[in-house]
Amino acid sequence: MYQAIARNVRLSWLLLGLFVLLILVMGYVFGQIVKQGYVGIAVALVVAAGGALASYYYSDRIVLAISGAREVSPDEYPFLHNTVEGLAIAAGLPKPRLYVIPDSAPNAFATGRDPSHAVVAVTTGLLDKLNRLELEGVLAHEMSHIQHYDVRLSTLVVVLVGLVALVSDWFVQLARHIDLGDIDGDSDSPIAALWLVLAFLLALLAPLIAQLIHFAISRQREYLADAGGVMLTRYPEGLATALEKLDADREPLEVANKATAHLYIVNPLKEWGGTLNGLFNTHPPIEERVRRLRGLVTGGVA
């Protein structure tokens, strides 16, 4: 299990590196078209850094507002608070703030920039439909996301996806008004034509590539959080049965959207299914997650 966790961490950072490389390539091509050379790379880095900083400090508030979540006290939900407090102690983390989303679809997510500013949000459906061991498994999964700083990584990836879409839109707008002679001083230059064709290809393909990288990172982090959650509870079956229940529940989460779907423990957009859509799913198949969890029982975790 520890080898699988280490492998998932390496793969996540590799994919994030590919993400940054894609942005730098787009910045360089943009700089060549406007005859500014490496200035495009500098602009791309500045925009990425600015977006990341803004998201770093305000993303949790935005997500909670979009989700209609409200903070709850120990008096309202004592078992929820007691369970999370015990998991936080086991993980060596500060207790996160707890929010509840008034929605009957069972689901949960964690957000925040670091363990000291973390939030765990659960739906009322999750509290109503899971037993105590299953709920503990879900909460341990979310605590694992916080422990591994997945919430920060997920936020950064979302910002990078938005940046790629923004730069792609710049390419489209630029291509409408530029002349080949403006690029290389010669309207018949094959080099100028090549740069313009490359810009068009990036404008078309980069957002798709960025989304695929985003989804790949999210899927790997879910496997890692499942394993980390089991390390906290020492009971894989609790999370395994919880995932099966959440997967069997076909009620979509009304407050979820494509921008926030990757945060939840299972995909809240139930209409996304099928083989092709699996490429664009932010979550790995539930069957595979459950298989790996139950495999941990014979591997000496439980």
Protein backbone atom coordinates (compact mmCIF):
# COMPACT_ATOMS: atom_id res chain seq x y z
CA MET A 1 0.00 0.00 0.00
CA TYR A 2 2.78 2.44 0.82
CA GLN A 3 4.30 1.80 -2.61
CA ALA A 4 0.95 2.55 -4.25
CA ILE A 5 0.67 5.80 -2.30
CA ALA A 6 4.19 6.86 -3.31
CA ARG A 7 3.46 5.98 -6.95
CA ASN A 8 0.27 8.07 -6.95
CA VAL A 9 2.12 11.05 -5.45
CA ARG A 10 4.86 10.87 -8.11
CA LEU A 11 2.32 10.57 -10.91
CA SER A 12 0.28 13.52 -9.64
CA TRP A 13 3.31 15.80 -9.60
CA LEU A 14 4.42 14.52 -13.00
CA LEU A 15 1.04 15.41 -14.46
CA LEU A 16 1.18 18.82 -12.78
CA GLY A 17 4.59 19.36 -14.39
CA LEU A 18 3.09 18.54 -17.80
CA PHE A 19 0.39 21.08 -17.06
CA VAL A 20 2.93 23.83 -16.40
CA LEU A 21 4.90 22.80 -19.50
CA LEU A 22 1.76 23.16 -21.62
CA ILE A 23 1.23 26.68 -20.31
CA LEU A 24 4.85 27.61 -21.00
CA VAL A 25 4.65 26.28 -24.56
CA MET A 26 1.49 28.29 -25.16
CA GLY A 27 3.15 31.38 -23.73
CA TYR A 28 6.18 30.93 -25.97
CA VAL A 29 4.08 30.50 -29.13
CA PHE A 30 2.03 33.54 -28.18
CA GLY A 31 5.25 35.52 -27.73
CA GLN A 32 6.52 34.45 -31.16
CA ILE A 33 3.34 35.55 -32.87
CA VAL A 34 3.48 39.02 -31.34
CA LYS A 35 7.26 39.14 -31.95
CA GLN A 36 8.12 39.31 -28.24
CA GLY A 37 10.03 36.03 -27.96
CA TYR A 38 10.21 34.77 -24.40
CA VAL A 39 8.01 37.57 -23.08
CA GLY A 40 5.04 35.27 -23.67
CA ILE A 41 6.45 32.76 -21.20
CA ALA A 42 6.92 35.48 -18.60
CA VAL A 43 3.35 36.70 -19.11
CA ALA A 44 2.01 33.16 -18.77
CA LEU A 45 3.92 32.65 -15.52
CA VAL A 46 2.74 35.97 -14.08
CA VAL A 47 -0.90 35.25 -14.92
CA ALA A 48 -0.61 31.73 -13.51
CA ALA A 49 0.99 32.96 -10.29
CA GLY A 50 -1.59 35.71 -9.84
CA GLY A 51 -4.49 33.33 -10.39
CA ALA A 52 -2.99 30.75 -8.08
CA LEU A 53 -2.51 33.27 -5.26
CA ALA A 54 -6.07 34.56 -5.54
CA SER A 55 -7.42 31.02 -5.58
CA TYR A 56 -5.12 30.02 -2.70
CA TYR A 57 -6.72 32.54 -0.34
CA TYR A 58 -10.35 32.62 -1.49
CA SER A 59 -11.19 29.30 -3.17
CA ASP A 60 -12.68 27.71 -0.03
CA ARG A 61 -15.10 30.61 0.51
CA ILE A 62 -16.16 30.50 -3.13
CA VAL A 63 -16.74 26.74 -3.13
CA LEU A 64 -18.72 26.83 0.13
CA ALA A 65 -20.88 29.68 -1.16
CA ILE A 66 -21.56 27.90 -4.45
CA SER A 67 -22.45 24.72 -2.57
CA GLY A 68 -24.88 26.43 -0.22
CA ALA A 69 -22.99 25.05 2.78
CA ARG A 70 -23.35 26.40 6.31
CA GLU A 71 -21.06 25.91 9.29
CA VAL A 72 -22.49 23.72 12.03
CA SER A 73 -21.74 23.53 15.74
CA PRO A 74 -21.07 20.49 17.94
CA ASP A 75 -24.51 20.97 19.50
CA GLU A 76 -26.21 20.47 16.13
CA TYR A 77 -24.19 17.48 14.93
CA PRO A 78 -22.29 15.98 17.89
CA PHE A 79 -21.38 12.68 16.20
CA LEU A 80 -20.03 14.48 13.15
CA HIS A 81 -17.84 16.73 15.28
CA ASN A 82 -16.66 13.92 17.55
CA THR A 83 -15.76 11.67 14.64
CA VAL A 84 -13.80 14.35 12.80
CA GLU A 85 -12.03 15.35 16.01
CA GLY A 86 -10.92 11.76 16.58
CA LEU A 87 -9.68 11.43 13.00
CA ALA A 88 -7.83 14.74 13.27
CA ILE A 89 -6.03 13.50 16.37
CA ALA A 90 -5.14 10.23 14.61
CA ALA A 91 -3.79 12.17 11.62
CA GLY A 92 -1.95 14.72 13.77
CA LEU A 93 -3.94 17.59 12.23
CA PRO A 94 -5.95 20.52 13.57
CA LYS A 95 -9.67 19.83 13.58
CA PRO A 96 -11.16 21.33 10.39
CA ARG A 97 -14.27 23.47 10.36
CA LEU A 98 -17.42 21.48 9.56
CA TYR A 99 -20.13 22.49 7.11
CA VAL A 100 -23.38 20.83 6.07
CA ILE A 101 -25.03 21.12 2.66
CA PRO A 102 -28.84 20.80 2.76
CA ASP A 103 -29.19 18.24 -0.03
CA SER A 104 -30.50 14.67 0.10
CA ALA A 105 -27.84 13.37 -2.33
CA PRO A 106 -25.09 11.69 -0.24
CA ASN A 107 -21.67 13.25 -0.83
CA ALA A 108 -18.80 15.13 0.84
CA PHE A 109 -15.71 17.18 0.06
CA ALA A 110 -12.76 18.90 1.72
CA THR A 111 -11.32 22.29 0.82
CA GLY A 112 -8.97 24.94 2.21
CA ARG A 113 -5.41 25.99 1.52
CA ASP A 114 -3.71 23.92 4.25
CA PRO A 115 -4.57 21.81 7.33
CA SER A 116 -4.81 24.91 9.51
CA HIS A 117 -7.43 26.46 7.21
CA ALA A 118 -9.28 23.32 6.17
CA VAL A 119 -12.98 22.64 5.83
CA VAL A 120 -14.94 19.39 5.53
CA ALA A 121 -18.45 19.65 4.08
CA VAL A 122 -21.02 16.86 4.02
CA THR A 123 -24.55 16.71 2.69
CA THR A 124 -27.54 15.96 4.87
CA GLY A 125 -28.11 12.96 2.60
CA LEU A 126 -24.75 11.53 3.61
CA LEU A 127 -25.60 11.87 7.31
CA ASP A 128 -29.00 10.26 6.80
CA LYS A 129 -28.07 7.35 4.53
CA LEU A 130 -24.79 6.02 5.97
CA ASN A 131 -24.22 4.15 9.21
CA ARG A 132 -21.55 5.26 11.64
CA LEU A 133 -18.72 3.11 10.30
CA GLU A 134 -19.46 4.16 6.72
CA LEU A 135 -19.62 7.82 7.68
CA GLU A 136 -16.32 7.49 9.52
CA GLY A 137 -14.77 5.99 6.37
CA VAL A 138 -15.95 8.93 4.24
CA LEU A 139 -14.73 11.49 6.76
CA ALA A 140 -11.36 9.71 7.00
CA HIS A 141 -11.08 9.93 3.20
CA GLU A 142 -11.64 13.69 3.38
CA MET A 143 -9.19 14.07 6.26
CA SER A 144 -6.65 12.23 4.12
CA HIS A 145 -7.14 14.80 1.36
CA ILE A 146 -6.31 17.50 3.91
CA GLN A 147 -3.34 15.57 5.29
CA HIS A 148 -1.87 15.13 1.80
CA TYR A 149 -2.50 18.79 0.83
CA ASP A 150 -4.71 17.56 -2.02
CA VAL A 151 -7.01 20.52 -1.48
CA ARG A 152 -4.19 22.89 -2.41
CA LEU A 153 -3.16 20.82 -5.43
CA SER A 154 -6.75 20.59 -6.68
CA THR A 155 -7.12 24.36 -6.43
CA LEU A 156 -3.90 24.96 -8.34
CA VAL A 157 -4.95 22.58 -11.11
CA VAL A 158 -8.31 24.32 -11.52
CA VAL A 159 -6.50 27.66 -11.89
CA LEU A 160 -4.18 26.20 -14.51
CA VAL A 161 -7.13 24.80 -16.47
CA GLY A 162 -8.67 28.26 -16.49
CA LEU A 163 -5.39 29.82 -17.59
CA VAL A 164 -5.06 27.42 -20.51
CA ALA A 165 -8.60 28.26 -21.61
CA LEU A 166 -7.81 31.97 -21.32
CA VAL A 167 -4.62 31.76 -23.39
CA SER A 168 -6.44 29.64 -25.98
CA ASP A 169 -9.07 32.33 -26.30
CA TRP A 170 -6.29 34.91 -26.77
CA PHE A 171 -4.94 32.82 -29.64
CA VAL A 172 -8.34 32.75 -31.34
CA GLN A 173 -8.82 36.50 -30.98
CA LEU A 174 -5.27 37.20 -32.13
CA ALA A 175 -5.57 34.99 -35.20
CA ARG A 176 -8.56 37.00 -36.38
CA HIS A 177 -6.58 40.22 -36.63
CA ILE A 178 -3.04 39.21 -37.44
CA ASP A 179 -1.34 39.15 -40.83
CA LEU A 180 1.42 36.67 -41.66
CA GLY A 181 3.70 39.57 -42.53
CA ASP A 182 3.33 40.86 -38.98
CA ILE A 183 4.96 37.68 -37.65
CA ASP A 184 8.01 37.30 -39.88
CA GLY A 185 8.05 40.46 -42.01
CA ASP A 186 7.03 38.43 -45.06
CA SER A 187 3.44 37.46 -45.82
CA ASP A 188 4.70 34.48 -47.85
CA SER A 189 7.02 33.20 -45.13
CA PRO A 190 6.52 29.49 -44.35
CA ILE A 191 7.84 30.13 -40.81
CA ALA A 192 5.12 32.71 -40.18
CA ALA A 193 2.49 30.34 -41.51
CA LEU A 194 3.86 27.56 -39.29
CA TRP A 195 3.60 29.73 -36.16
CA LEU A 196 0.02 30.65 -37.01
CA VAL A 197 -0.97 27.02 -37.65
CA LEU A 198 0.68 26.00 -34.38
CA ALA A 199 -1.26 28.71 -32.57
CA PHE A 200 -4.54 27.45 -34.04
CA LEU A 201 -3.72 23.86 -33.03
CA LEU A 202 -2.89 24.91 -29.49
CA ALA A 203 -6.06 26.99 -29.27
CA LEU A 204 -8.11 23.94 -30.26
CA LEU A 205 -6.28 21.17 -28.42
CA ALA A 206 -4.81 22.80 -25.31
CA PRO A 207 -8.09 23.11 -23.35
CA LEU A 208 -8.86 19.45 -24.06
CA ILE A 209 -5.36 18.36 -23.02
CA ALA A 210 -5.60 20.52 -19.87
CA GLN A 211 -8.90 18.94 -18.88
CA LEU A 212 -7.55 15.42 -19.41
CA ILE A 213 -4.53 16.20 -17.20
CA HIS A 214 -6.85 17.71 -14.59
CA PHE A 215 -9.01 14.60 -14.53
CA ALA A 216 -6.00 12.28 -14.39
CA ILE A 217 -4.63 14.14 -11.35
CA SER A 218 -8.02 14.02 -9.62
CA ARG A 219 -8.40 10.28 -10.19
CA GLN A 220 -4.95 9.50 -8.76
CA ARG A 221 -5.60 11.63 -5.68
CA GLU A 222 -8.83 9.74 -4.99
CA TYR A 223 -6.97 6.43 -4.85
CA LEU A 224 -4.43 8.02 -2.52
CA ALA A 225 -7.11 9.45 -0.23
CA ASP A 226 -8.89 6.08 -0.08
CA ALA A 227 -5.67 4.42 1.09
CA GLY A 228 -4.91 7.25 3.51
CA GLY A 229 -8.41 7.07 4.97
CA VAL A 230 -7.97 3.38 5.70
CA MET A 231 -4.72 4.13 7.50
CA LEU A 232 -6.72 6.37 9.86
CA THR A 233 -9.65 4.02 10.51
CA ARG A 234 -7.90 0.64 10.08
CA TYR A 235 -11.20 -0.57 8.60
CA PRO A 236 -11.34 -0.68 4.77
CA GLU A 237 -14.84 -2.15 4.70
CA GLY A 238 -16.39 1.00 6.14
CA LEU A 239 -15.27 3.17 3.21
CA ALA A 240 -15.86 0.36 0.68
CA THR A 241 -19.51 -0.08 1.62
CA ALA A 242 -19.97 3.70 1.81
CA LEU A 243 -18.69 4.07 -1.76
CA GLU A 244 -21.06 1.34 -2.93
CA LYS A 245 -24.01 3.11 -1.31
CA LEU A 246 -23.02 6.47 -2.80
CA ASP A 247 -22.61 4.91 -6.23
CA ALA A 248 -26.00 3.16 -6.04
CA ASP A 249 -27.75 6.40 -5.09
CA ARG A 250 -28.75 7.96 -8.43
CA GLU A 251 -29.88 11.31 -7.07
CA PRO A 252 -27.74 14.14 -8.51
CA LEU A 253 -26.37 16.81 -6.20
CA GLU A 254 -28.24 19.97 -7.20
CA VAL A 255 -25.58 22.46 -6.05
CA ALA A 256 -22.68 20.71 -7.82
CA ASN A 257 -21.30 21.74 -11.21
CA LYS A 258 -18.41 20.79 -13.48
CA ALA A 259 -16.11 23.30 -11.74
CA THR A 260 -16.59 21.75 -8.30
CA ALA A 261 -17.35 18.10 -9.17
CA HIS A 262 -13.73 16.97 -8.71
CA LEU A 263 -13.79 17.98 -5.03
CA TYR A 264 -16.43 15.45 -4.00
CA ILE A 265 -15.72 11.90 -2.85
CA VAL A 266 -17.85 10.52 -5.71
CA ASN A 267 -18.90 12.22 -8.93
CA PRO A 268 -22.00 14.30 -8.05
CA LEU A 269 -22.97 14.68 -11.73
CA LYS A 270 -24.74 11.38 -12.26
CA GLU A 271 -25.41 12.00 -15.95
CA TRP A 272 -21.70 11.61 -16.77
CA GLY A 273 -21.37 7.98 -17.70
CA GLY A 274 -20.29 5.67 -20.48
CA THR A 275 -16.93 4.56 -21.84
CA LEU A 276 -16.03 7.79 -23.65
CA ASN A 277 -17.13 10.01 -20.79
CA GLY A 278 -14.90 7.93 -18.52
CA LEU A 279 -11.94 9.81 -19.99
CA PHE A 280 -13.47 13.04 -18.75
CA ASN A 281 -14.47 11.78 -15.33
CA THR A 282 -12.77 13.35 -12.33
CA HIS A 283 -13.15 10.13 -10.32
CA PRO A 284 -11.88 6.59 -10.88
CA PRO A 285 -14.49 3.82 -11.22
CA ILE A 286 -16.16 2.96 -7.92
CA GLU A 287 -15.71 -0.75 -8.65
CA GLU A 288 -11.94 -0.32 -8.88
CA ARG A 289 -11.80 1.79 -5.72
CA VAL A 290 -13.79 -0.81 -3.80
CA ARG A 291 -11.64 -3.63 -5.19
CA ARG A 292 -8.47 -1.90 -4.00
CA LEU A 293 -9.96 -1.17 -0.58
CA ARG A 294 -11.02 -4.76 -0.03
CA GLY A 295 -7.63 -5.89 -1.24
CA LEU A 296 -6.11 -3.99 1.67
CA VAL A 297 -7.82 -6.38 4.11
CA THR A 298 -5.69 -9.27 2.93
CA GLY A 299 -2.67 -6.97 2.70
CA GLY A 300 -2.52 -6.52 6.45
CA VAL A 301 -4.10 -3.07 6.87
CA ALA A 302 -7.32 -4.10 8.60
